[in-house]
Protein backbone atom coordinates (compact mmCIF):
# COMPACT_ATOMS: atom_id res chain seq x y z
CA MET A 1 -17.62 -16.49 0.37
CA CYS A 2 -14.86 -16.72 3.13
CA ASP A 3 -15.76 -15.27 6.34
CA VAL A 4 -13.52 -12.55 8.17
CA GLY A 5 -11.71 -15.17 10.13
CA GLU A 6 -10.64 -17.08 7.21
CA THR A 7 -8.87 -14.28 5.39
CA THR A 8 -7.73 -12.04 8.20
CA TRP A 9 -4.22 -13.37 8.60
CA LEU A 10 -3.75 -14.36 4.88
CA ASP A 11 -1.09 -12.48 3.03
CA ALA A 12 -1.69 -10.48 -0.12
CA THR A 13 -0.46 -13.33 -2.25
CA ALA A 14 -2.96 -15.74 -0.78
CA GLN A 15 -5.79 -13.37 -1.01
CA ALA A 16 -5.10 -12.61 -4.53
CA GLU A 17 -5.12 -16.39 -5.21
CA LEU A 18 -8.58 -16.86 -3.61
CA VAL A 19 -9.80 -14.11 -5.99
CA ARG A 20 -8.28 -15.70 -9.11
CA ARG A 21 -9.91 -19.02 -8.05
CA GLY A 22 -13.23 -17.45 -7.54
CA GLU A 23 -13.48 -18.44 -3.92
CA VAL A 24 -13.85 -14.84 -2.87
CA SER A 25 -14.72 -11.65 -4.54
CA PRO A 26 -12.88 -8.27 -4.44
CA ALA A 27 -15.92 -6.65 -3.00
CA GLU A 28 -15.98 -9.34 -0.21
CA LEU A 29 -12.30 -8.86 0.70
CA ALA A 30 -12.92 -5.05 0.77
CA GLU A 31 -15.97 -5.41 3.12
CA GLN A 32 -14.00 -7.83 5.63
CA ALA A 33 -11.20 -5.46 5.69
CA ILE A 34 -13.45 -2.34 6.19
CA ALA A 35 -15.03 -4.12 9.04
CA ARG A 36 -11.70 -4.80 10.68
CA ILE A 37 -10.61 -1.27 10.34
CA GLU A 38 -13.93 0.06 11.87
CA THR A 39 -13.51 -2.37 14.89
CA VAL A 40 -10.01 -2.29 15.53
CA ASN A 41 -8.79 1.06 14.47
CA PRO A 42 -10.07 3.18 17.23
CA LYS A 43 -7.77 1.32 19.59
CA LEU A 44 -4.70 2.11 17.26
CA ASP A 45 -5.29 5.32 15.21
CA ALA A 46 -3.32 3.50 12.49
CA VAL A 47 -5.77 4.73 9.81
CA ILE A 48 -6.42 8.51 9.82
CA ARG A 49 -8.57 8.91 6.56
CA THR A 50 -10.89 6.41 4.76
CA ARG A 51 -12.28 6.12 1.47
CA PHE A 52 -14.59 3.31 1.81
CA ASP A 53 -17.42 4.33 -0.43
CA GLU A 54 -15.11 4.82 -3.33
CA ALA A 55 -13.28 1.54 -2.54
CA ARG A 56 -16.59 -0.34 -2.56
CA LEU A 57 -17.23 0.89 -6.10
CA GLU A 58 -13.78 0.08 -7.31
CA ALA A 59 -13.92 -3.54 -5.81
CA ALA A 60 -17.33 -4.14 -7.33
CA GLY A 61 -16.19 -2.75 -10.75
CA ASP A 62 -13.75 -3.75 -13.36
CA LEU A 63 -10.39 -3.93 -11.63
CA PRO A 64 -7.15 -4.37 -13.46
CA ASP A 65 -6.16 -8.02 -13.79
CA GLY A 66 -2.98 -7.52 -11.87
CA PRO A 67 -1.15 -10.08 -9.70
CA PHE A 68 -2.90 -8.57 -6.51
CA ARG A 69 -6.33 -8.03 -8.10
CA GLY A 70 -9.05 -7.41 -5.36
CA VAL A 71 -6.47 -7.23 -2.41
CA PRO A 72 -7.22 -4.35 0.03
CA ILE A 73 -4.28 -2.01 0.83
CA LEU A 74 -3.76 1.16 2.84
CA LEU A 75 -1.55 3.92 1.46
CA LYS A 76 0.68 6.18 3.73
CA ASP A 77 -0.34 9.67 4.27
CA LEU A 78 3.07 10.81 2.70
CA GLY A 79 3.68 10.50 -0.89
CA CYS A 80 1.78 8.16 -3.33
CA THR A 81 -0.55 11.06 -4.15
CA VAL A 82 -3.90 10.53 -5.86
CA ALA A 83 -5.46 13.41 -7.88
CA GLY A 84 -8.51 14.63 -6.16
CA GLU A 85 -7.63 13.01 -2.74
CA THR A 86 -6.04 14.30 0.40
CA THR A 87 -2.46 13.37 1.36
CA ALA A 88 -1.60 15.48 4.40
CA PHE A 89 2.10 14.46 5.05
CA GLY A 90 1.17 14.67 8.69
CA ILE A 91 0.79 18.36 8.49
CA GLY A 92 -2.42 19.96 9.89
CA PRO A 93 -2.82 22.77 7.17
CA LEU A 94 -3.02 19.95 4.65
CA ARG A 95 -5.65 17.92 6.22
CA ASP A 96 -8.37 19.05 3.78
CA VAL A 97 -6.36 19.67 0.65
CA ALA A 98 -6.77 17.54 -2.48
CA PHE A 99 -3.68 16.91 -4.53
CA PRO A 100 -3.86 17.93 -8.23
CA PHE A 101 -1.87 14.98 -9.59
CA THR A 102 -1.48 11.25 -9.34
CA SER A 103 2.00 9.65 -8.55
CA TYR A 104 3.34 6.88 -10.72
CA LEU A 105 3.50 4.84 -7.67
CA ALA A 106 -0.37 5.16 -7.10
CA GLU A 107 -0.78 4.19 -10.79
CA HIS A 108 1.37 1.08 -10.27
CA PHE A 109 -0.49 0.02 -7.15
CA ARG A 110 -3.82 0.34 -9.12
CA ALA A 111 -2.52 -1.47 -12.09
CA ALA A 112 -1.53 -4.33 -9.81
CA GLY A 113 -5.16 -4.64 -8.79
CA PHE A 114 -4.95 -3.35 -5.22
CA VAL A 115 -7.96 -1.52 -3.81
CA PRO A 116 -6.82 1.34 -1.45
CA LEU A 117 -9.25 1.75 1.55
CA GLY A 118 -7.47 4.87 3.12
CA ARG A 119 -4.43 6.58 4.45
CA THR A 120 -2.26 5.81 7.48
CA ASN A 121 -0.95 7.78 10.21
CA VAL A 122 2.52 9.47 9.78
CA PRO A 123 4.70 11.84 11.78
CA GLU A 124 4.94 15.43 10.51
CA LEU A 125 6.68 15.44 7.07
CA GLY A 126 8.31 11.97 8.04
CA THR A 127 11.11 13.66 9.85
CA THR A 128 11.09 11.48 12.90
CA VAL A 129 11.12 7.86 14.07
CA THR A 130 7.86 7.73 15.93
CA THR A 131 4.31 8.42 14.73
CA GLU A 132 3.03 10.99 17.19
CA PRO A 133 2.24 14.12 14.93
CA LYS A 134 1.07 17.51 16.44
CA SER A 135 -2.01 17.57 14.19
CA PHE A 136 -3.10 13.93 14.47
CA PRO A 137 -3.48 11.36 17.37
CA PRO A 138 -0.50 9.20 18.07
CA ALA A 139 -0.47 5.76 16.35
CA ARG A 140 -0.34 3.00 19.04
CA ASN A 141 1.48 -0.28 18.84
CA PRO A 142 -0.81 -3.35 18.65
CA TRP A 143 1.84 -5.37 20.72
CA ASN A 144 1.39 -2.65 23.44
CA PRO A 145 -0.55 0.39 22.99
CA ASP A 146 1.48 2.38 25.33
CA HIS A 147 4.35 2.13 22.91
CA SER A 148 5.54 3.67 19.72
CA THR A 149 4.87 1.99 16.25
CA GLY A 150 8.14 3.60 14.98
CA GLY A 151 8.13 5.97 11.98
CA SER A 152 7.59 7.45 9.73
CA SER A 153 5.41 4.39 8.39
CA GLY A 154 4.05 3.96 11.85
CA GLY A 155 0.39 3.78 10.90
CA SER A 156 0.92 1.43 8.00
CA ALA A 157 2.86 -1.00 10.25
CA ALA A 158 0.18 -0.91 13.11
CA ALA A 159 -2.48 -1.57 10.50
CA VAL A 160 -0.78 -4.61 8.95
CA ALA A 161 0.49 -6.13 12.29
CA ALA A 162 -2.99 -5.80 13.60
CA GLY A 163 -4.46 -7.74 10.77
CA LEU A 164 -6.50 -4.75 9.13
CA VAL A 165 -5.10 -5.20 5.87
CA PRO A 166 -2.33 -7.74 4.66
CA VAL A 167 0.00 -5.09 3.25
CA ALA A 168 0.38 -1.14 3.37
CA HIS A 169 2.39 1.25 1.44
CA ALA A 170 5.50 2.66 3.16
CA ASN A 171 8.49 4.72 2.42
CA ASP A 172 12.02 5.25 3.82
CA GLY A 173 14.28 8.13 3.87
CA GLY A 174 16.31 7.15 7.09
CA GLY A 175 14.83 3.94 8.08
CA SER A 176 11.12 4.62 7.86
CA ILE A 177 10.08 1.25 6.29
CA ARG A 178 12.43 -0.87 8.40
CA ILE A 179 12.07 1.00 11.88
CA PRO A 180 8.21 0.34 12.02
CA ALA A 181 8.69 -3.23 10.56
CA SER A 182 11.00 -3.90 13.57
CA GLU A 183 8.69 -2.26 16.21
CA CYS A 184 5.65 -4.06 14.93
CA GLY A 185 6.96 -7.46 13.99
CA LEU A 186 6.86 -7.14 10.34
CA VAL A 187 8.96 -7.54 7.17
CA GLY A 188 10.18 -4.18 5.83
CA LEU A 189 12.08 -4.20 2.54
CA LYS A 190 13.74 -0.92 1.65
CA PRO A 191 14.57 -1.17 -2.03
CA THR A 192 17.75 0.06 -4.02
CA ARG A 193 17.87 3.73 -4.77
CA GLY A 194 16.05 4.53 -7.98
CA ARG A 195 14.29 1.19 -7.97
CA VAL A 196 10.82 2.87 -7.54
CA SER A 197 10.05 6.05 -9.39
CA GLN A 198 9.08 9.19 -7.45
CA GLY A 199 7.53 10.72 -10.54
CA PRO A 200 6.10 12.43 -12.25
CA LEU A 201 6.42 15.55 -9.81
CA ILE A 202 9.68 14.36 -7.93
CA GLY A 203 12.81 13.15 -9.32
CA GLU A 204 14.55 12.59 -5.98
CA ALA A 205 14.15 13.70 -2.42
CA TRP A 206 16.66 13.94 0.42
CA ALA A 207 19.53 13.68 -2.30
CA GLY A 208 18.39 10.33 -3.28
CA SER A 209 17.96 8.89 0.21
CA THR A 210 14.06 8.41 -0.06
CA ILE A 211 12.42 5.46 -1.55
CA ASP A 212 8.88 3.90 -1.62
CA GLY A 213 7.84 0.05 -0.71
CA ALA A 214 5.75 -1.55 1.77
CA VAL A 215 5.42 -3.21 5.09
CA THR A 216 4.29 -6.83 4.87
CA ARG A 217 3.80 -9.96 7.00
CA THR A 218 5.65 -12.30 4.55
CA VAL A 219 8.70 -12.21 2.39
CA ARG A 220 6.80 -13.35 -0.76
CA ASP A 221 4.53 -10.23 -0.44
CA ALA A 222 7.58 -7.85 -0.02
CA ALA A 223 8.97 -9.34 -3.28
CA GLY A 224 5.82 -9.34 -5.10
CA ILE A 225 4.94 -5.67 -4.30
CA LEU A 226 8.47 -4.58 -5.37
CA ASP A 227 8.06 -6.45 -8.53
CA VAL A 228 4.88 -4.38 -9.36
CA ILE A 229 6.09 -0.96 -8.33
CA GLY A 230 9.86 -1.22 -9.19
CA LYS A 231 9.33 0.16 -12.70
CA PRO A 232 11.68 2.63 -14.24
CA MET A 233 9.77 5.48 -15.76
CA PRO A 234 10.83 8.07 -18.31
CA GLY A 235 12.64 10.94 -17.07
CA ASP A 236 13.92 9.42 -13.62
CA PRO A 237 17.22 10.90 -12.66
CA TYR A 238 18.56 7.30 -12.33
CA TYR A 239 17.72 3.75 -12.50
CA ALA A 240 18.58 0.75 -10.32
CA PRO A 241 20.56 -1.98 -11.80
CA PRO A 242 17.82 -4.46 -13.38
CA LEU A 243 17.11 -7.59 -11.57
CA PRO A 244 17.91 -10.83 -13.22
CA ARG A 245 14.23 -11.92 -12.79
CA PRO A 246 11.17 -11.22 -10.88
CA LEU A 247 11.73 -11.23 -7.21
CA VAL A 248 8.99 -13.50 -6.38
CA GLN A 249 10.91 -16.18 -8.24
CA GLU A 250 13.79 -15.56 -5.49
CA VAL A 251 11.47 -16.79 -2.63
CA GLY A 252 12.75 -20.13 -1.72
CA ALA A 253 15.71 -20.12 -4.10
CA ASP A 254 18.93 -21.35 -2.74
CA PRO A 255 21.24 -18.40 -1.93
CA GLY A 256 24.36 -20.65 -1.69
CA ARG A 257 26.77 -20.15 1.09
CA LEU A 258 27.29 -16.52 1.84
CA ARG A 259 29.87 -14.45 3.61
CA ILE A 260 27.87 -12.51 6.25
CA GLY A 261 29.36 -9.81 8.62
CA TRP A 262 27.63 -8.76 11.74
CA LEU A 263 27.59 -5.77 13.95
CA ASP A 264 25.68 -5.79 17.19
CA ARG A 265 26.30 -2.47 18.73
CA PRO A 266 27.00 1.19 17.57
CA GLY A 267 30.57 2.31 16.90
CA LEU A 268 30.41 5.54 18.47
CA GLU A 269 28.99 6.82 21.95
CA GLY A 270 25.74 8.69 22.08
CA TYR A 271 23.80 5.77 20.20
CA LEU A 272 21.40 3.35 22.15
CA ASP A 273 22.91 0.03 22.71
CA ASP A 274 20.29 -2.55 24.13
CA PRO A 275 20.89 -6.03 25.14
CA GLU A 276 17.69 -7.15 23.48
CA CYS A 277 19.04 -5.95 20.14
CA ARG A 278 22.28 -7.70 20.61
CA ALA A 279 20.35 -10.77 21.56
CA ALA A 280 18.48 -10.48 18.24
CA VAL A 281 21.46 -10.32 16.34
CA ALA A 282 23.11 -13.28 18.04
CA GLY A 283 20.08 -15.39 17.38
CA ALA A 284 20.01 -14.45 13.71
CA ALA A 285 23.83 -15.06 13.37
CA ARG A 286 23.45 -18.56 14.87
CA LEU A 287 20.36 -19.31 12.67
CA LEU A 288 22.48 -18.07 9.63
CA GLU A 289 25.38 -20.45 10.57
CA SER A 290 22.93 -23.36 10.90
CA LEU A 291 21.81 -22.67 7.42
CA GLY A 292 25.30 -22.96 6.08
CA HIS A 293 26.51 -19.42 5.85
CA HIS A 294 29.86 -18.26 6.96
CA VAL A 295 29.17 -15.46 9.74
CA GLU A 296 31.92 -13.42 11.31
CA GLU A 297 32.14 -10.04 13.14
CA SER A 298 32.80 -7.46 10.63
CA ALA A 299 31.27 -4.23 9.26
CA PRO A 300 32.30 -1.30 7.13
CA ALA A 301 35.07 0.94 8.75
CA ALA A 302 33.13 4.14 7.35
CA MET A 303 29.92 3.07 9.06
CA TYR A 304 30.26 5.64 11.90
CA ASP A 305 32.32 8.59 10.35
CA GLN A 306 31.52 11.46 12.73
CA GLU A 307 30.75 13.78 9.94
CA ILE A 308 27.76 11.83 8.68
CA ILE A 309 25.10 13.29 10.73
CA GLY A 310 25.92 16.96 9.93
CA HIS A 311 25.97 16.34 6.21
CA PHE A 312 22.79 14.21 6.24
CA ASN A 313 20.95 16.96 8.37
CA THR A 314 22.01 19.62 5.87
CA ILE A 315 20.36 17.55 3.12
CA ILE A 316 16.99 17.24 5.11
CA ALA A 317 16.91 20.93 6.16
CA ALA A 318 17.15 21.88 2.54
CA ASP A 319 14.62 19.49 1.36
CA THR A 320 12.32 20.55 4.24
CA GLU A 321 12.08 23.96 3.41
CA ALA A 322 11.76 23.46 -0.31
CA THR A 323 8.85 20.89 0.32
CA MET A 324 7.21 23.42 2.73
CA ARG A 325 7.40 26.17 0.10
CA ALA A 326 5.70 23.95 -2.40
CA PHE A 327 2.99 23.06 0.17
CA GLU A 328 2.55 26.91 0.75
CA LEU A 329 2.08 27.40 -3.02
CA LEU A 330 -0.58 24.41 -3.07
CA ILE A 331 -2.77 26.03 -0.26
CA GLY A 332 -2.12 29.50 -1.30
CA ARG A 333 -0.58 30.89 2.06
CA PRO A 334 2.25 30.81 4.43
CA ILE A 335 2.47 27.95 6.95
CA GLY A 336 3.22 29.57 10.22
CA GLU A 337 5.91 28.18 12.73
CA ASP A 338 2.90 27.62 15.23
CA GLU A 339 1.32 25.30 13.04
CA ILE A 340 4.18 22.78 12.75
CA GLU A 341 6.43 20.97 15.21
CA PRO A 342 9.58 22.47 16.65
CA ARG A 343 11.80 19.87 14.78
CA ASN A 344 10.42 21.00 11.50
CA VAL A 345 10.66 24.67 12.37
CA ALA A 346 14.28 24.08 13.17
CA TYR A 347 14.70 22.44 9.71
CA ARG A 348 12.88 25.20 7.97
CA ARG A 349 15.02 27.93 9.47
CA ALA A 350 18.39 25.89 8.58
CA GLY A 351 17.12 25.41 5.14
CA LYS A 352 16.44 29.03 4.59
CA ASP A 353 19.91 30.05 5.71
CA LEU A 354 21.66 27.33 3.78
CA GLY A 355 23.74 28.40 0.79
CA ALA A 356 23.68 26.39 -2.49
CA VAL A 357 27.51 25.70 -2.20
CA ALA A 358 27.27 24.32 1.45
CA TYR A 359 24.39 22.21 0.12
CA LEU A 360 26.49 20.68 -2.72
CA GLN A 361 29.56 20.27 -0.69
CA SER A 362 27.39 17.96 1.67
CA ARG A 363 26.33 15.97 -1.20
CA SER A 364 29.77 15.64 -2.55
CA TRP A 365 31.05 14.58 0.96
CA LEU A 366 28.10 11.94 1.14
CA GLU A 367 29.01 10.67 -2.29
CA ALA A 368 32.63 9.97 -1.40
CA TRP A 369 31.73 8.35 1.83
CA ALA A 370 29.37 6.12 0.14
CA ARG A 371 32.09 4.74 -2.00
CA ARG A 372 34.09 3.86 1.09
CA MET A 373 31.20 2.21 2.59
CA ALA A 374 30.50 0.11 -0.67
CA ASP A 375 33.93 -1.35 -0.59
CA TRP A 376 33.20 -3.79 2.40
CA TRP A 377 30.79 -5.57 0.11
CA THR A 378 33.60 -6.45 -2.26
CA GLY A 379 34.54 -9.08 0.37
CA HIS A 380 30.97 -9.79 1.91
CA ASP A 381 27.57 -10.54 0.60
CA LEU A 382 25.44 -9.27 3.50
CA LEU A 383 25.72 -7.22 6.79
CA LEU A 384 23.52 -8.27 9.80
CA THR A 385 22.66 -5.55 12.40
CA PRO A 386 19.92 -4.81 14.77
CA THR A 387 17.22 -2.66 12.92
CA VAL A 388 17.04 -0.08 15.63
CA GLY A 389 18.93 0.79 18.89
CA ALA A 390 16.32 -0.37 21.33
CA PRO A 391 12.70 -2.06 21.46
CA PRO A 392 9.89 0.08 20.97
CA PRO A 393 9.94 2.96 23.41
CA GLU A 394 6.90 4.48 25.29
CA LEU A 395 4.89 6.91 23.58
CA GLY A 396 6.19 10.46 24.47
CA TRP A 397 9.77 9.20 24.90
CA PHE A 398 10.78 11.31 21.90
CA THR A 399 8.21 14.12 21.86
CA ALA A 400 8.14 14.96 25.61
CA ALA A 401 11.81 15.41 25.73
CA GLY A 402 11.82 19.07 24.46
CA PRO A 403 13.12 20.10 20.87
CA GLU A 404 16.87 19.74 21.50
CA GLU A 405 16.67 16.51 23.49
CA GLU A 406 14.20 15.03 20.91
CA GLY A 407 16.79 15.33 18.06
CA VAL A 408 19.56 13.76 20.37
CA ARG A 409 17.01 10.82 21.09
CA ILE A 410 16.12 10.37 17.37
CA ILE A 411 19.73 10.17 16.34
CA SER A 412 20.58 7.81 19.35
CA PHE A 413 17.70 5.39 18.28
CA ILE A 414 18.93 4.82 14.76
CA PRO A 415 22.43 3.73 14.69
CA TYR A 416 22.00 1.32 11.68
CA THR A 417 19.42 2.42 9.22
CA ALA A 418 20.13 5.84 7.54
CA GLN A 419 23.52 4.95 6.50
CA PHE A 420 21.95 2.74 3.79
CA ASN A 421 19.55 5.67 2.61
CA MET A 422 22.62 7.58 2.04
CA THR A 423 24.38 4.74 0.30
CA GLY A 424 21.23 3.76 -1.68
CA GLN A 425 21.67 0.03 -0.73
CA PRO A 426 18.76 -2.32 -0.23
CA ALA A 427 18.07 -3.52 3.14
CA ILE A 428 15.45 -5.59 4.97
CA SER A 429 14.15 -5.92 8.56
CA LEU A 430 12.89 -9.19 9.74
CA PRO A 431 10.95 -10.02 12.74
CA LEU A 432 13.09 -12.58 14.49
CA HIS A 433 13.24 -11.57 18.17
CA TRP A 434 10.65 -10.65 20.93
CA THR A 435 11.53 -9.30 24.31
CA PRO A 436 10.42 -10.96 27.51
CA GLY A 437 7.66 -8.48 27.54
CA GLY A 438 6.44 -9.35 24.18
CA LEU A 439 7.75 -6.30 22.20
CA PRO A 440 9.17 -7.13 18.69
CA VAL A 441 12.76 -6.44 17.86
CA GLY A 442 13.89 -6.66 14.30
CA VAL A 443 17.22 -7.52 12.65
CA GLN A 444 18.56 -5.96 9.52
CA LEU A 445 20.13 -7.49 6.47
CA VAL A 446 21.89 -5.12 4.10
CA ALA A 447 23.06 -6.22 0.46
CA ALA A 448 25.20 -4.53 -2.05
CA TYR A 449 23.66 -1.96 -4.33
CA GLY A 450 20.97 -3.60 -6.55
CA ARG A 451 21.01 -6.97 -4.88
CA GLU A 452 17.51 -7.33 -3.61
CA ASP A 453 17.27 -10.66 -5.12
CA LEU A 454 19.97 -11.95 -2.59
CA LEU A 455 18.10 -10.20 0.25
CA VAL A 456 14.81 -12.02 -0.74
CA ARG A 457 16.58 -15.38 -1.00
CA VAL A 458 18.16 -15.24 2.49
CA ALA A 459 15.05 -13.58 4.04
CA SER A 460 12.83 -16.41 2.54
CA GLN A 461 15.28 -18.97 3.93
CA LEU A 462 15.04 -17.32 7.52
CA GLU A 463 11.31 -17.25 7.25
CA GLN A 464 11.13 -20.93 6.53
CA ALA A 465 13.72 -21.77 9.25
CA ALA A 466 11.95 -19.50 12.01
CA PRO A 467 8.35 -18.78 11.03
CA TRP A 468 6.75 -15.70 12.51
CA SER A 469 3.43 -15.52 10.62
CA ASP A 470 1.47 -17.27 13.64
CA ARG A 471 2.52 -14.52 15.99
CA HIS A 472 -0.20 -12.00 16.47
CA PRO A 473 -0.20 -9.02 18.70
CA PRO A 474 -2.70 -8.57 21.53
CA ILE A 475 -4.67 -5.91 19.76
CA HIS A 476 -5.75 -7.40 16.43
CA ALA A 477 -8.72 -8.03 14.03
């Protein structure tokens, strides 16, 4: 048996290999991860619900012989529902409600051999970029517990960064995989639209902007997890272009000499423009040049069209109201405005007042805009940007500002991520920079639609040139 110290910082790929070789059992890996969660999580509130007894039985039983057999994982408390288990979506009235169905995504994780240990903290409905929900304690950043983990996959990111588990489920509607990855020093790969099924209940959410994935410590784990969850399912409204081969085979593959454009500051006033984020891009650009790529200052002209925010908020408002009505049916009563956060009250009110024609007009505008955005990639392979507009802010910076100012601050903080939810393109955040105070700052690479293979090749190349796996936060297992 391997002791806790031997497996804590092994990635999921390495842990699965130990299981295959018989050097550690799934039950031993589960016990080690449970011990880490029990010891460290009280300092972080990354995990808000556990299923340790069920996990012990599963790990000791006949697990599927998938590529991650026996590896412990945490599931985000938003999406990835499992029949008979609670998924609260960050909403207090759902904290004790068991869902009646299992998502395809949860089935894929189980078929891969993962052993889920519990659920991670999220902001309410995932509609903000910090994990400080009204109904649950705030998630704390293991690099500095007074700072945000990001959102909406903030609990997942804190848990992986602190070494509680090697990987955790995450999803992304406006940056919610990449933002927490940046703020917690992890790899966060957002897949192409349609790559991961949201069925059987959901065809698309936020007009196709949402997608599931994971936060990881290594590029090979990000690739391997997308290989096992990126399966088209019957009835999906659209499928992503098939990849030429499994993404794990792209790890270490030569990407060739690429043409990469970079952008290090927002194109409009009102967004945060931090020198540490510019420094992160400058460092990544130099590294890419040293690896033989052509790097130039260039970005899509449509990146900061002033109409984007209004149309995207229309989509979110409509989806928020529809989702809340579904939850009200599930619990058998209305959810009062005093039970949810002012941000989501505002979205509900806007969604109720929204007409079908206005909603469709916003979708149509965004579809035309996405075509203008995509044209830039006919002359470039990748776009390099900061992941977010500033290093991790202190807890309360968003939530204590008041409802109107909170919305302004949310928008100001994400100049680079939500655009690629609306276009559906794949993007990855990599931990290539830290502030003098020790806070992580990620950089984002964006590829053309369907080109996760190219992202994995380049991300792997950067990981080899500037390794980050030996950096651990002050609060860790």
